[in-house]
Amino acid sequence: MAEGEASTVQVSGEQPAPVSAGEVTPSLDGFGDIQVEISAVLGTTQLPIEQFLKLGRGAIVELEQHKDANIAILVNGFHFARGEVRVLGDKVGFAILELIDHSKDLE
């Protein structure tokens, strides 16, 4: 690839995301078969254990997040991105809206 050209990354039929030619991408050769756990967190809340133990079938637990808030996308428990829920036929998925920049955490 020539200097200044952009390549793309295609995932699940979505529009390709541009990748700058100036970015350094580490080689992932040999890591492609490693499984990671991906979780999409709609929201969280805290309850006293006494109230939790009273929950039964049909109980509704209100989450702290607003109905239009982005979901947290975790990879192996690590907050990786923010996204939004998508319905894919009879399945539910998510679209990544923003990757979390943890570079400041490393300083």
C-alpha atoms as a PDB file:
ATOM      1  CA  MET A   1       0.000   0.000   0.000  1.00  0.00           C
ATOM      2  CA  ALA A   2       1.354   3.403  -0.948  1.00  0.00           C
ATOM      3  CA  GLU A   3       1.932   6.159   1.605  1.00  0.00           C
ATOM      4  CA  GLY A   4      -1.305   8.043   2.349  1.00  0.00           C
ATOM      5  CA  GLU A   5      -3.634   5.321   1.011  1.00  0.00           C
ATOM      6  CA  ALA A   6      -6.356   3.989   3.299  1.00  0.00           C
ATOM      7  CA  SER A   7      -7.364   0.375   3.662  1.00  0.00           C
ATOM      8  CA  THR A   8     -10.678  -0.889   4.998  1.00  0.00           C
ATOM      9  CA  VAL A   9     -11.884  -3.442   7.504  1.00  0.00           C
ATOM     10  CA  GLN A  10     -15.104  -5.332   6.628  1.00  0.00           C
ATOM     11  CA  VAL A  11     -17.142  -6.802   9.522  1.00  0.00           C
ATOM     12  CA  SER A  12     -20.527  -8.530   9.263  1.00  0.00           C
ATOM     13  CA  GLY A  13     -21.704  -6.817   6.080  1.00  0.00           C
ATOM     14  CA  GLU A  14     -21.501  -3.317   7.563  1.00  0.00           C
ATOM     15  CA  GLN A  15     -19.829  -0.455   5.727  1.00  0.00           C
ATOM     16  CA  PRO A  16     -16.028  -0.706   5.823  1.00  0.00           C
ATOM     17  CA  ALA A  17     -14.232   1.428   8.406  1.00  0.00           C
ATOM     18  CA  PRO A  18     -11.267   3.403   7.048  1.00  0.00           C
ATOM     19  CA  VAL A  19      -7.827   2.622   8.436  1.00  0.00           C
ATOM     20  CA  SER A  20      -5.184   5.298   7.976  1.00  0.00           C
ATOM     21  CA  ALA A  21      -2.036   4.184   6.178  1.00  0.00           C
ATOM     22  CA  GLY A  22      -0.002   6.044   8.805  1.00  0.00           C
ATOM     23  CA  GLU A  23      -1.325   3.878  11.644  1.00  0.00           C
ATOM     24  CA  VAL A  24       0.918   1.106  12.879  1.00  0.00           C
ATOM     25  CA  THR A  25      -1.045  -2.149  13.099  1.00  0.00           C
ATOM     26  CA  PRO A  26       0.660  -4.940  15.019  1.00  0.00           C
ATOM     27  CA  SER A  27       0.716  -8.344  13.377  1.00  0.00           C
ATOM     28  CA  LEU A  28      -1.880 -10.698  14.780  1.00  0.00           C
ATOM     29  CA  ASP A  29      -0.573 -13.735  12.908  1.00  0.00           C
ATOM     30  CA  GLY A  30      -1.042 -16.794  15.085  1.00  0.00           C
ATOM     31  CA  PHE A  31      -3.702 -15.168  17.272  1.00  0.00           C
ATOM     32  CA  GLY A  32      -6.666 -15.514  14.898  1.00  0.00           C
ATOM     33  CA  ASP A  33      -8.044 -18.667  16.538  1.00  0.00           C
ATOM     34  CA  ILE A  34      -8.057 -17.321  20.106  1.00  0.00           C
ATOM     35  CA  GLN A  35     -11.603 -16.935  21.432  1.00  0.00           C
ATOM     36  CA  VAL A  36     -12.640 -13.805  23.340  1.00  0.00           C
ATOM     37  CA  GLU A  37     -15.830 -13.247  25.302  1.00  0.00           C
ATOM     38  CA  ILE A  38     -17.840 -10.249  24.126  1.00  0.00           C
ATOM     39  CA  SER A  39     -20.584  -8.822  26.352  1.00  0.00           C
ATOM     40  CA  ALA A  40     -23.027  -6.012  25.676  1.00  0.00           C
ATOM     41  CA  VAL A  41     -24.160  -4.333  28.901  1.00  0.00           C
ATOM     42  CA  LEU A  42     -27.511  -2.575  28.664  1.00  0.00           C
ATOM     43  CA  GLY A  43     -27.222  -1.051  32.105  1.00  0.00           C
ATOM     44  CA  THR A  44     -26.580  -1.653  35.781  1.00  0.00           C
ATOM     45  CA  THR A  45     -28.233  -1.060  39.125  1.00  0.00           C
ATOM     46  CA  GLN A  46     -27.722  -1.899  42.777  1.00  0.00           C
ATOM     47  CA  LEU A  47     -30.254  -3.538  45.076  1.00  0.00           C
ATOM     48  CA  PRO A  48     -30.149  -4.539  48.710  1.00  0.00           C
ATOM     49  CA  ILE A  49     -29.760  -8.322  48.938  1.00  0.00           C
ATOM     50  CA  GLU A  50     -33.131  -8.563  50.708  1.00  0.00           C
ATOM     51  CA  GLN A  51     -34.868  -6.933  47.730  1.00  0.00           C
ATOM     52  CA  PHE A  52     -32.871  -9.055  45.263  1.00  0.00           C
ATOM     53  CA  LEU A  53     -33.970 -12.261  46.992  1.00  0.00           C
ATOM     54  CA  LYS A  54     -37.634 -11.221  46.622  1.00  0.00           C
ATOM     55  CA  LEU A  55     -37.369 -10.984  42.823  1.00  0.00           C
ATOM     56  CA  GLY A  56     -39.368 -13.592  40.979  1.00  0.00           C
ATOM     57  CA  ARG A  57     -40.612 -14.435  37.515  1.00  0.00           C
ATOM     58  CA  GLY A  58     -41.959 -11.312  35.819  1.00  0.00           C
ATOM     59  CA  ALA A  59     -40.154  -8.916  38.151  1.00  0.00           C
ATOM     60  CA  ILE A  60     -38.912  -5.787  36.408  1.00  0.00           C
ATOM     61  CA  VAL A  61     -35.630  -4.289  37.549  1.00  0.00           C
ATOM     62  CA  GLU A  62     -35.056  -0.675  36.587  1.00  0.00           C
ATOM     63  CA  LEU A  63     -31.551   0.091  35.333  1.00  0.00           C
ATOM     64  CA  GLU A  64     -29.718   3.364  35.926  1.00  0.00           C
ATOM     65  CA  GLN A  65     -29.194   4.036  32.207  1.00  0.00           C
ATOM     66  CA  HIS A  66     -31.599   6.120  30.137  1.00  0.00           C
ATOM     67  CA  LYS A  67     -33.495   4.222  27.423  1.00  0.00           C
ATOM     68  CA  ASP A  68     -31.518   5.999  24.672  1.00  0.00           C
ATOM     69  CA  ALA A  69     -28.098   5.602  26.312  1.00  0.00           C
ATOM     70  CA  ASN A  70     -25.335   3.692  24.544  1.00  0.00           C
ATOM     71  CA  ILE A  71     -24.487   0.191  25.707  1.00  0.00           C
ATOM     72  CA  ALA A  72     -21.076  -0.783  27.066  1.00  0.00           C
ATOM     73  CA  ILE A  73     -19.254  -3.383  24.978  1.00  0.00           C
ATOM     74  CA  LEU A  74     -16.825  -5.496  26.980  1.00  0.00           C
ATOM     75  CA  VAL A  75     -14.154  -7.835  25.623  1.00  0.00           C
ATOM     76  CA  ASN A  76     -13.029 -10.328  28.276  1.00  0.00           C
ATOM     77  CA  GLY A  77     -14.464  -7.947  30.889  1.00  0.00           C
ATOM     78  CA  PHE A  78     -12.467  -4.970  29.530  1.00  0.00           C
ATOM     79  CA  HIS A  79     -14.527  -1.905  28.458  1.00  0.00           C
ATOM     80  CA  PHE A  80     -13.669  -1.834  24.755  1.00  0.00           C
ATOM     81  CA  ALA A  81     -16.346   0.285  23.089  1.00  0.00           C
ATOM     82  CA  ARG A  82     -19.721   2.011  23.246  1.00  0.00           C
ATOM     83  CA  GLY A  83     -22.489   0.922  20.948  1.00  0.00           C
ATOM     84  CA  GLU A  84     -26.173   0.598  20.300  1.00  0.00           C
ATOM     85  CA  VAL A  85     -28.480  -2.394  20.160  1.00  0.00           C
ATOM     86  CA  ARG A  86     -29.497  -3.629  16.711  1.00  0.00           C
ATOM     87  CA  VAL A  87     -32.144  -6.183  15.777  1.00  0.00           C
ATOM     88  CA  LEU A  88     -30.848  -8.633  13.166  1.00  0.00           C
ATOM     89  CA  GLY A  89     -33.826 -10.691  12.024  1.00  0.00           C
ATOM     90  CA  ASP A  90     -34.791 -12.789  15.045  1.00  0.00           C
ATOM     91  CA  LYS A  91     -31.474 -12.098  16.826  1.00  0.00           C
ATOM     92  CA  VAL A  92     -30.106  -9.135  18.736  1.00  0.00           C
ATOM     93  CA  GLY A  93     -26.688  -7.625  18.082  1.00  0.00           C
ATOM     94  CA  PHE A  94     -24.927  -4.311  18.433  1.00  0.00           C
ATOM     95  CA  ALA A  95     -23.222  -1.663  16.358  1.00  0.00           C
ATOM     96  CA  ILE A  96     -19.950  -0.193  17.607  1.00  0.00           C
ATOM     97  CA  LEU A  97     -20.228   3.587  17.765  1.00  0.00           C
ATOM     98  CA  GLU A  98     -17.006   4.500  19.557  1.00  0.00           C
ATOM     99  CA  LEU A  99     -13.868   2.667  20.640  1.00  0.00           C
ATOM    100  CA  ILE A 100     -12.673   3.517  24.142  1.00  0.00           C
ATOM    101  CA  ASP A 101      -9.245   5.156  24.210  1.00  0.00           C
ATOM    102  CA  HIS A 102      -7.327   3.661  27.124  1.00  0.00           C
ATOM    103  CA  SER A 103      -3.964   5.131  26.110  1.00  0.00           C
ATOM    104  CA  LYS A 104      -4.112   7.588  29.041  1.00  0.00           C
ATOM    105  CA  ASP A 105      -4.536   4.624  31.402  1.00  0.00           C
ATOM    106  CA  LEU A 106      -1.123   3.329  30.323  1.00  0.00           C
ATOM    107  CA  GLU A 107       0.750   6.515  31.241  1.00  0.00           C
END
